[in-house]
Structure formats: C-alpha cells, structure tokens
Amino acid sequence: MKYSYKTMGTCSSRIDFEIDGDILKSVQFTGGCNGNLKGIAALVEGMRVEDVIKRLEGTKCGFKQTSCPDQLATALKAALREA
C-alpha cells in the first residue's frame, strides 16, 4: 500500500513510501538533504517496517527535537495504525 506523510519540524516536507506486507518497499523524501535522504531510503528499503522504526525513531537533527529519519519512523507508525 502507498502512503504519503507530511513531515513536521524538518527540512523535508513530505515522505512518500510503500509497504508490502511488513516490508518497506520504497521511500522518497521531498525536500531536505537530497544525498543523505537518498542514502537513508536505499538503506531501509527491503527492511521490515518494525526494524526501520526501531533503528530510526528518536534520531534528532542538531538542536531540533526530530529529524527526517525520525519523521520516517513516525510516518511508518501512522501507517501501521491505519492498516
């Protein structure tokens, strides 16, 4: 299933992703640090959603209370609640 999540508190403005069963199939960030976010997407694609959440949740960016990886974890948790 495909999802789109509007981020809060980060340079990226949206995360589009697809979940197939319990596997994260694709991730695309809009805005933010292009190379870093492409790298994060490449690393997490193919992983179990719960494993991605465990690895990324709570990651902070500088003095911000969140980050793009943390927002991905938040988006995945929201998608699991919808399912």
PDB file of N, CA and C in Angstrom:
ATOM      1  N   MET A   1       0.838  -1.167   0.000  1.00  0.00           N
ATOM      2  CA  MET A   1       0.000   0.000   0.000  1.00  0.00           C
ATOM      3  C   MET A   1       0.892   1.242   0.000  1.00  0.00           C
ATOM      4  N   LYS A   2       0.467   2.268  -0.717  1.00  0.00           N
ATOM      5  CA  LYS A   2       1.240   3.510  -0.818  1.00  0.00           C
ATOM      6  C   LYS A   2       0.726   4.523   0.194  1.00  0.00           C
ATOM      7  N   TYR A   3       1.669   5.281   0.753  1.00  0.00           N
ATOM      8  CA  TYR A   3       1.355   6.280   1.770  1.00  0.00           C
ATOM      9  C   TYR A   3       2.095   7.567   1.459  1.00  0.00           C
ATOM     10  N   SER A   4       1.546   8.674   1.943  1.00  0.00           N
ATOM     11  CA  SER A   4       2.201   9.970   1.858  1.00  0.00           C
ATOM     12  C   SER A   4       2.050  10.627   3.228  1.00  0.00           C
ATOM     13  N   TYR A   5       3.146  11.153   3.764  1.00  0.00           N
ATOM     14  CA  TYR A   5       3.150  11.722   5.108  1.00  0.00           C
ATOM     15  C   TYR A   5       3.744  13.123   5.059  1.00  0.00           C
ATOM     16  N   LYS A   6       3.015  14.111   5.583  1.00  0.00           N
ATOM     17  CA  LYS A   6       3.508  15.481   5.667  1.00  0.00           C
ATOM     18  C   LYS A   6       4.353  15.596   6.932  1.00  0.00           C
ATOM     19  N   THR A   7       5.628  15.888   6.763  1.00  0.00           N
ATOM     20  CA  THR A   7       6.550  15.958   7.895  1.00  0.00           C
ATOM     21  C   THR A   7       6.369  17.251   8.679  1.00  0.00           C
ATOM     22  N   MET A   8       6.850  17.237   9.909  1.00  0.00           N
ATOM     23  CA  MET A   8       6.806  18.420  10.776  1.00  0.00           C
ATOM     24  C   MET A   8       8.176  18.600  11.426  1.00  0.00           C
ATOM     25  N   GLY A   9       8.686  19.829  11.396  1.00  0.00           N
ATOM     26  CA  GLY A   9       9.926  20.150  12.083  1.00  0.00           C
ATOM     27  C   GLY A   9      11.194  19.748  11.365  1.00  0.00           C
ATOM     28  N   THR A  10      11.094  19.471  10.052  1.00  0.00           N
ATOM     29  CA  THR A  10      12.280  19.069   9.294  1.00  0.00           C
ATOM     30  C   THR A  10      12.386  19.859   8.001  1.00  0.00           C
ATOM     31  N   CYS A  11      13.532  19.768   7.365  1.00  0.00           N
ATOM     32  CA  CYS A  11      13.734  20.432   6.072  1.00  0.00           C
ATOM     33  C   CYS A  11      12.921  19.750   4.975  1.00  0.00           C
ATOM     34  N   SER A  12      12.749  18.443   5.069  1.00  0.00           N
ATOM     35  CA  SER A  12      11.893  17.756   4.099  1.00  0.00           C
ATOM     36  C   SER A  12      10.441  18.085   4.427  1.00  0.00           C
ATOM     37  N   SER A  13       9.598  18.101   3.400  1.00  0.00           N
ATOM     38  CA  SER A  13       8.198  18.472   3.601  1.00  0.00           C
ATOM     39  C   SER A  13       7.244  17.285   3.498  1.00  0.00           C
ATOM     40  N   ARG A  14       7.695  16.208   2.862  1.00  0.00           N
ATOM     41  CA  ARG A  14       6.821  15.048   2.676  1.00  0.00           C
ATOM     42  C   ARG A  14       7.661  13.787   2.487  1.00  0.00           C
ATOM     43  N   ILE A  15       7.071  12.669   2.918  1.00  0.00           N
ATOM     44  CA  ILE A  15       7.690  11.364   2.679  1.00  0.00           C
ATOM     45  C   ILE A  15       6.634  10.488   2.012  1.00  0.00           C
ATOM     46  N   ASP A  16       6.966   9.962   0.850  1.00  0.00           N
ATOM     47  CA  ASP A  16       6.107   9.003   0.153  1.00  0.00           C
ATOM     48  C   ASP A  16       6.767   7.642   0.282  1.00  0.00           C
ATOM     49  N   PHE A  17       5.970   6.635   0.641  1.00  0.00           N
ATOM     50  CA  PHE A  17       6.544   5.303   0.811  1.00  0.00           C
ATOM     51  C   PHE A  17       5.507   4.240   0.519  1.00  0.00           C
ATOM     52  N   GLU A  18       5.994   3.030   0.307  1.00  0.00           N
ATOM     53  CA  GLU A  18       5.124   1.886   0.022  1.00  0.00           C
ATOM     54  C   GLU A  18       5.489   0.745   0.959  1.00  0.00           C
ATOM     55  N   ILE A  19       4.454   0.116   1.499  1.00  0.00           N
ATOM     56  CA  ILE A  19       4.637  -1.041   2.369  1.00  0.00           C
ATOM     57  C   ILE A  19       3.934  -2.222   1.723  1.00  0.00           C
ATOM     58  N   ASP A  20       4.645  -3.333   1.634  1.00  0.00           N
ATOM     59  CA  ASP A  20       4.080  -4.576   1.106  1.00  0.00           C
ATOM     60  C   ASP A  20       4.167  -5.615   2.214  1.00  0.00           C
ATOM     61  N   GLY A  21       3.024  -5.931   2.833  1.00  0.00           N
ATOM     62  CA  GLY A  21       3.032  -6.820   3.993  1.00  0.00           C
ATOM     63  C   GLY A  21       3.678  -6.089   5.149  1.00  0.00           C
ATOM     64  N   ASP A  22       4.829  -6.579   5.598  1.00  0.00           N
ATOM     65  CA  ASP A  22       5.558  -5.883   6.667  1.00  0.00           C
ATOM     66  C   ASP A  22       6.912  -5.369   6.171  1.00  0.00           C
ATOM     67  N   ILE A  23       7.051  -5.259   4.842  1.00  0.00           N
ATOM     68  CA  ILE A  23       8.310  -4.831   4.226  1.00  0.00           C
ATOM     69  C   ILE A  23       8.162  -3.444   3.617  1.00  0.00           C
ATOM     70  N   LEU A  24       9.116  -2.571   3.918  1.00  0.00           N
ATOM     71  CA  LEU A  24       9.159  -1.238   3.327  1.00  0.00           C
ATOM     72  C   LEU A  24       9.749  -1.374   1.927  1.00  0.00           C
ATOM     73  N   LYS A  25       8.945  -1.061   0.910  1.00  0.00           N
ATOM     74  CA  LYS A  25       9.363  -1.293  -0.479  1.00  0.00           C
ATOM     75  C   LYS A  25      10.035  -0.090  -1.119  1.00  0.00           C
ATOM     76  N   SER A  26       9.559   1.108  -0.843  1.00  0.00           N
ATOM     77  CA  SER A  26      10.165   2.295  -1.450  1.00  0.00           C
ATOM     78  C   SER A  26       9.975   3.480  -0.517  1.00  0.00           C
ATOM     79  N   VAL A  27      10.908   4.418  -0.596  1.00  0.00           N
ATOM     80  CA  VAL A  27      10.850   5.633   0.222  1.00  0.00           C
ATOM     81  C   VAL A  27      11.361   6.787  -0.633  1.00  0.00           C
ATOM     82  N   GLN A  28      10.606   7.893  -0.623  1.00  0.00           N
ATOM     83  CA  GLN A  28      11.056   9.092  -1.338  1.00  0.00           C
ATOM     84  C   GLN A  28      10.733  10.308  -0.485  1.00  0.00           C
ATOM     85  N   PHE A  29      11.758  11.100  -0.186  1.00  0.00           N
ATOM     86  CA  PHE A  29      11.601  12.330   0.566  1.00  0.00           C
ATOM     87  C   PHE A  29      11.475  13.492  -0.409  1.00  0.00           C
ATOM     88  N   THR A  30      10.640  14.475  -0.072  1.00  0.00           N
ATOM     89  CA  THR A  30      10.539  15.723  -0.833  1.00  0.00           C
ATOM     90  C   THR A  30      11.217  16.800   0.003  1.00  0.00           C
ATOM     91  N   GLY A  31      12.224  17.444  -0.583  1.00  0.00           N
ATOM     92  CA  GLY A  31      12.990  18.458   0.135  1.00  0.00           C
ATOM     93  C   GLY A  31      14.046  17.799   1.014  1.00  0.00           C
ATOM     94  N   GLY A  32      14.685  18.601   1.829  1.00  0.00           N
ATOM     95  CA  GLY A  32      15.708  18.073   2.734  1.00  0.00           C
ATOM     96  C   GLY A  32      17.049  17.895   2.045  1.00  0.00           C
ATOM     97  N   CYS A  33      17.940  17.212   2.714  1.00  0.00           N
ATOM     98  CA  CYS A  33      19.307  16.966   2.223  1.00  0.00           C
ATOM     99  C   CYS A  33      19.280  15.809   1.230  1.00  0.00           C
ATOM    100  N   ASN A  34      19.242  16.125  -0.023  1.00  0.00           N
ATOM    101  CA  ASN A  34      18.986  15.161  -1.088  1.00  0.00           C
ATOM    102  C   ASN A  34      19.839  13.895  -1.008  1.00  0.00           C
ATOM    103  N   GLY A  35      21.141  14.037  -0.956  1.00  0.00           N
ATOM    104  CA  GLY A  35      22.015  12.862  -0.946  1.00  0.00           C
ATOM    105  C   GLY A  35      21.840  12.012   0.300  1.00  0.00           C
ATOM    106  N   ASN A  36      21.770  12.663   1.453  1.00  0.00           N
ATOM    107  CA  ASN A  36      21.594  11.915   2.702  1.00  0.00           C
ATOM    108  C   ASN A  36      20.276  11.161   2.716  1.00  0.00           C
ATOM    109  N   LEU A  37      19.211  11.799   2.257  1.00  0.00           N
ATOM    110  CA  LEU A  37      17.904  11.161   2.294  1.00  0.00           C
ATOM    111  C   LEU A  37      17.789  10.038   1.263  1.00  0.00           C
ATOM    112  N   LYS A  38      18.453  10.188   0.123  1.00  0.00           N
ATOM    113  CA  LYS A  38      18.503   9.081  -0.839  1.00  0.00           C
ATOM    114  C   LYS A  38      19.252   7.907  -0.225  1.00  0.00           C
ATOM    115  N   GLY A  39      20.316   8.196   0.515  1.00  0.00           N
ATOM    116  CA  GLY A  39      21.080   7.138   1.176  1.00  0.00           C
ATOM    117  C   GLY A  39      20.255   6.416   2.224  1.00  0.00           C
ATOM    118  N   ILE A  40      19.532   7.173   3.057  1.00  0.00           N
ATOM    119  CA  ILE A  40      18.670   6.563   4.071  1.00  0.00           C
ATOM    120  C   ILE A  40      17.624   5.681   3.397  1.00  0.00           C
ATOM    121  N   ALA A  41      16.996   6.205   2.340  1.00  0.00           N
ATOM    122  CA  ALA A  41      15.979   5.431   1.623  1.00  0.00           C
ATOM    123  C   ALA A  41      16.562   4.120   1.103  1.00  0.00           C
ATOM    124  N   ALA A  42      17.746   4.187   0.501  1.00  0.00           N
ATOM    125  CA  ALA A  42      18.375   2.981  -0.043  1.00  0.00           C
ATOM    126  C   ALA A  42      18.686   1.962   1.057  1.00  0.00           C
ATOM    127  N   LEU A  43      19.070   2.449   2.229  1.00  0.00           N
ATOM    128  CA  LEU A  43      19.415   1.544   3.331  1.00  0.00           C
ATOM    129  C   LEU A  43      18.189   0.853   3.929  1.00  0.00           C
ATOM    130  N   VAL A  44      17.049   1.540   3.993  1.00  0.00           N
ATOM    131  CA  VAL A  44      15.883   0.965   4.670  1.00  0.00           C
ATOM    132  C   VAL A  44      14.950   0.196   3.743  1.00  0.00           C
ATOM    133  N   GLU A  45      15.025   0.442   2.450  1.00  0.00           N
ATOM    134  CA  GLU A  45      14.159  -0.289   1.523  1.00  0.00           C
ATOM    135  C   GLU A  45      14.476  -1.778   1.596  1.00  0.00           C
ATOM    136  N   GLY A  46      13.419  -2.570   1.734  1.00  0.00           N
ATOM    137  CA  GLY A  46      13.578  -4.017   1.843  1.00  0.00           C
ATOM    138  C   GLY A  46      13.603  -4.508   3.282  1.00  0.00           C
ATOM    139  N   MET A  47      13.659  -3.582   4.226  1.00  0.00           N
ATOM    140  CA  MET A  47      13.669  -3.958   5.639  1.00  0.00           C
ATOM    141  C   MET A  47      12.242  -4.111   6.166  1.00  0.00           C
ATOM    142  N   ARG A  48      12.103  -4.836   7.275  1.00  0.00           N
ATOM    143  CA  ARG A  48      10.820  -4.922   7.972  1.00  0.00           C
ATOM    144  C   ARG A  48      10.511  -3.553   8.570  1.00  0.00           C
ATOM    145  N   VAL A  49       9.252  -3.139   8.463  1.00  0.00           N
ATOM    146  CA  VAL A  49       8.836  -1.830   8.943  1.00  0.00           C
ATOM    147  C   VAL A  49       9.188  -1.648  10.421  1.00  0.00           C
ATOM    148  N   GLU A  50       8.914  -2.654  11.236  1.00  0.00           N
ATOM    149  CA  GLU A  50       9.211  -2.553  12.674  1.00  0.00           C
ATOM    150  C   GLU A  50      10.707  -2.339  12.929  1.00  0.00           C
ATOM    151  N   ASP A  51      11.552  -2.956  12.121  1.00  0.00           N
ATOM    152  CA  ASP A  51      13.003  -2.785  12.284  1.00  0.00           C
ATOM    153  C   ASP A  51      13.432  -1.366  11.921  1.00  0.00           C
ATOM    154  N   VAL A  52      12.826  -0.804  10.882  1.00  0.00           N
ATOM    155  CA  VAL A  52      13.136   0.573  10.491  1.00  0.00           C
ATOM    156  C   VAL A  52      12.739   1.518  11.618  1.00  0.00           C
ATOM    157  N   ILE A  53      11.551   1.324  12.168  1.00  0.00           N
ATOM    158  CA  ILE A  53      11.088   2.173  13.267  1.00  0.00           C
ATOM    159  C   ILE A  53      12.058   2.099  14.437  1.00  0.00           C
ATOM    160  N   LYS A  54      12.463   0.907  14.819  1.00  0.00           N
ATOM    161  CA  LYS A  54      13.377   0.742  15.958  1.00  0.00           C
ATOM    162  C   LYS A  54      14.709   1.439  15.726  1.00  0.00           C
ATOM    163  N   ARG A  55      15.201   1.395  14.495  1.00  0.00           N
ATOM    164  CA  ARG A  55      16.505   1.999  14.202  1.00  0.00           C
ATOM    165  C   ARG A  55      16.465   3.519  14.112  1.00  0.00           C
ATOM    166  N   LEU A  56      15.357   4.072  13.604  1.00  0.00           N
ATOM    167  CA  LEU A  56      15.330   5.499  13.295  1.00  0.00           C
ATOM    168  C   LEU A  56      14.606   6.362  14.314  1.00  0.00           C
ATOM    169  N   GLU A  57      13.683   5.784  15.054  1.00  0.00           N
ATOM    170  CA  GLU A  57      12.883   6.558  15.997  1.00  0.00           C
ATOM    171  C   GLU A  57      13.778   7.247  17.034  1.00  0.00           C
ATOM    172  N   GLY A  58      13.510   8.523  17.260  1.00  0.00           N
ATOM    173  CA  GLY A  58      14.262   9.272  18.269  1.00  0.00           C
ATOM    174  C   GLY A  58      15.507   9.963  17.754  1.00  0.00           C
ATOM    175  N   THR A  59      15.861   9.756  16.487  1.00  0.00           N
ATOM    176  CA  THR A  59      17.021  10.434  15.909  1.00  0.00           C
ATOM    177  C   THR A  59      16.729  11.928  15.830  1.00  0.00           C
ATOM    178  N   LYS A  60      17.667  12.736  16.286  1.00  0.00           N
ATOM    179  CA  LYS A  60      17.495  14.184  16.267  1.00  0.00           C
ATOM    180  C   LYS A  60      18.466  14.812  15.278  1.00  0.00           C
ATOM    181  N   CYS A  61      18.104  15.986  14.779  1.00  0.00           N
ATOM    182  CA  CYS A  61      18.945  16.736  13.844  1.00  0.00           C
ATOM    183  C   CYS A  61      19.367  18.026  14.534  1.00  0.00           C
ATOM    184  N   GLY A  62      20.621  18.112  14.926  1.00  0.00           N
ATOM    185  CA  GLY A  62      21.102  19.303  15.620  1.00  0.00           C
ATOM    186  C   GLY A  62      20.319  19.530  16.897  1.00  0.00           C
ATOM    187  N   PHE A  63      19.791  20.734  17.034  1.00  0.00           N
ATOM    188  CA  PHE A  63      19.025  21.086  18.228  1.00  0.00           C
ATOM    189  C   PHE A  63      17.532  20.830  18.067  1.00  0.00           C
ATOM    190  N   LYS A  64      17.134  20.328  16.910  1.00  0.00           N
ATOM    191  CA  LYS A  64      15.715  20.031  16.663  1.00  0.00           C
ATOM    192  C   LYS A  64      15.301  18.809  17.477  1.00  0.00           C
ATOM    193  N   GLN A  65      14.035  18.714  17.771  1.00  0.00           N
ATOM    194  CA  GLN A  65      13.510  17.573  18.521  1.00  0.00           C
ATOM    195  C   GLN A  65      13.209  16.372  17.629  1.00  0.00           C
ATOM    196  N   THR A  66      13.408  16.522  16.327  1.00  0.00           N
ATOM    197  CA  THR A  66      13.135  15.452  15.376  1.00  0.00           C
ATOM    198  C   THR A  66      14.156  15.528  14.249  1.00  0.00           C
ATOM    199  N   SER A  67      13.995  14.683  13.251  1.00  0.00           N
ATOM    200  CA  SER A  67      14.857  14.659  12.070  1.00  0.00           C
ATOM    201  C   SER A  67      14.079  13.973  10.958  1.00  0.00           C
ATOM    202  N   CYS A  68      14.626  13.970   9.774  1.00  0.00           N
ATOM    203  CA  CYS A  68      13.971  13.259   8.670  1.00  0.00           C
ATOM    204  C   CYS A  68      13.867  11.757   8.964  1.00  0.00           C
ATOM    205  N   PRO A  69      14.914  11.100   9.486  1.00  0.00           N
ATOM    206  CA  PRO A  69      14.768   9.687   9.831  1.00  0.00           C
ATOM    207  C   PRO A  69      13.707   9.463  10.917  1.00  0.00           C
ATOM    208  N   ASP A  70      13.663  10.333  11.920  1.00  0.00           N
ATOM    209  CA  ASP A  70      12.656  10.224  12.972  1.00  0.00           C
ATOM    210  C   ASP A  70      11.258  10.414  12.395  1.00  0.00           C
ATOM    211  N   GLN A  71      11.116  11.335  11.452  1.00  0.00           N
ATOM    212  CA  GLN A  71       9.818  11.548  10.817  1.00  0.00           C
ATOM    213  C   GLN A  71       9.410  10.339   9.978  1.00  0.00           C
ATOM    214  N   LEU A  72      10.376   9.656   9.378  1.00  0.00           N
ATOM    215  CA  LEU A  72      10.053   8.418   8.660  1.00  0.00           C
ATOM    216  C   LEU A  72       9.514   7.382   9.640  1.00  0.00           C
ATOM    217  N   ALA A  73      10.137   7.253  10.784  1.00  0.00           N
ATOM    218  CA  ALA A  73       9.645   6.310  11.812  1.00  0.00           C
ATOM    219  C   ALA A  73       8.230   6.693  12.239  1.00  0.00           C
ATOM    220  N   THR A  74       7.985   7.982  12.413  1.00  0.00           N
ATOM    221  CA  THR A  74       6.650   8.460  12.792  1.00  0.00           C
ATOM    222  C   THR A  74       5.637   8.133  11.702  1.00  0.00           C
ATOM    223  N   ALA A  75       6.023   8.344  10.446  1.00  0.00           N
ATOM    224  CA  ALA A  75       5.146   8.055   9.313  1.00  0.00           C
ATOM    225  C   ALA A  75       4.820   6.559   9.236  1.00  0.00           C
ATOM    226  N   LEU A  76       5.820   5.725   9.485  1.00  0.00           N
ATOM    227  CA  LEU A  76       5.603   4.269   9.429  1.00  0.00           C
ATOM    228  C   LEU A  76       4.668   3.824  10.556  1.00  0.00           C
ATOM    229  N   LYS A  77       4.832   4.399  11.734  1.00  0.00           N
ATOM    230  CA  LYS A  77       3.949   4.072  12.844  1.00  0.00           C
ATOM    231  C   LYS A  77       2.505   4.472  12.522  1.00  0.00           C
ATOM    232  N   ALA A  78       2.333   5.632  11.894  1.00  0.00           N
ATOM    233  CA  ALA A  78       0.997   6.078  11.499  1.00  0.00           C
ATOM    234  C   ALA A  78       0.401   5.126  10.456  1.00  0.00           C
ATOM    235  N   ALA A  79       1.226   4.679   9.520  1.00  0.00           N
ATOM    236  CA  ALA A  79       0.742   3.736   8.505  1.00  0.00           C
ATOM    237  C   ALA A  79       0.319   2.418   9.136  1.00  0.00           C
ATOM    238  N   LEU A  80       1.048   1.947  10.118  1.00  0.00           N
ATOM    239  CA  LEU A  80       0.682   0.699  10.797  1.00  0.00           C
ATOM    240  C   LEU A  80      -0.649   0.850  11.522  1.00  0.00           C
ATOM    241  N   ARG A  81      -0.897   2.015  12.102  1.00  0.00           N
ATOM    242  CA  ARG A  81      -2.173   2.261  12.772  1.00  0.00           C
ATOM    243  C   ARG A  81      -3.341   2.250  11.785  1.00  0.00           C
ATOM    244  N   GLU A  82      -3.081   2.752  10.561  1.00  0.00           N
ATOM    245  CA  GLU A  82      -4.119   2.788   9.525  1.00  0.00           C
ATOM    246  C   GLU A  82      -4.462   1.400   9.002  1.00  0.00           C
ATOM    247  N   ALA A  83      -3.472   0.544   8.982  1.00  0.00           N
ATOM    248  CA  ALA A  83      -3.645  -0.794   8.363  1.00  0.00           C
ATOM    249  C   ALA A  83      -4.613  -1.670   9.130  1.00  0.00           C
TER     250      ALA A  83
END
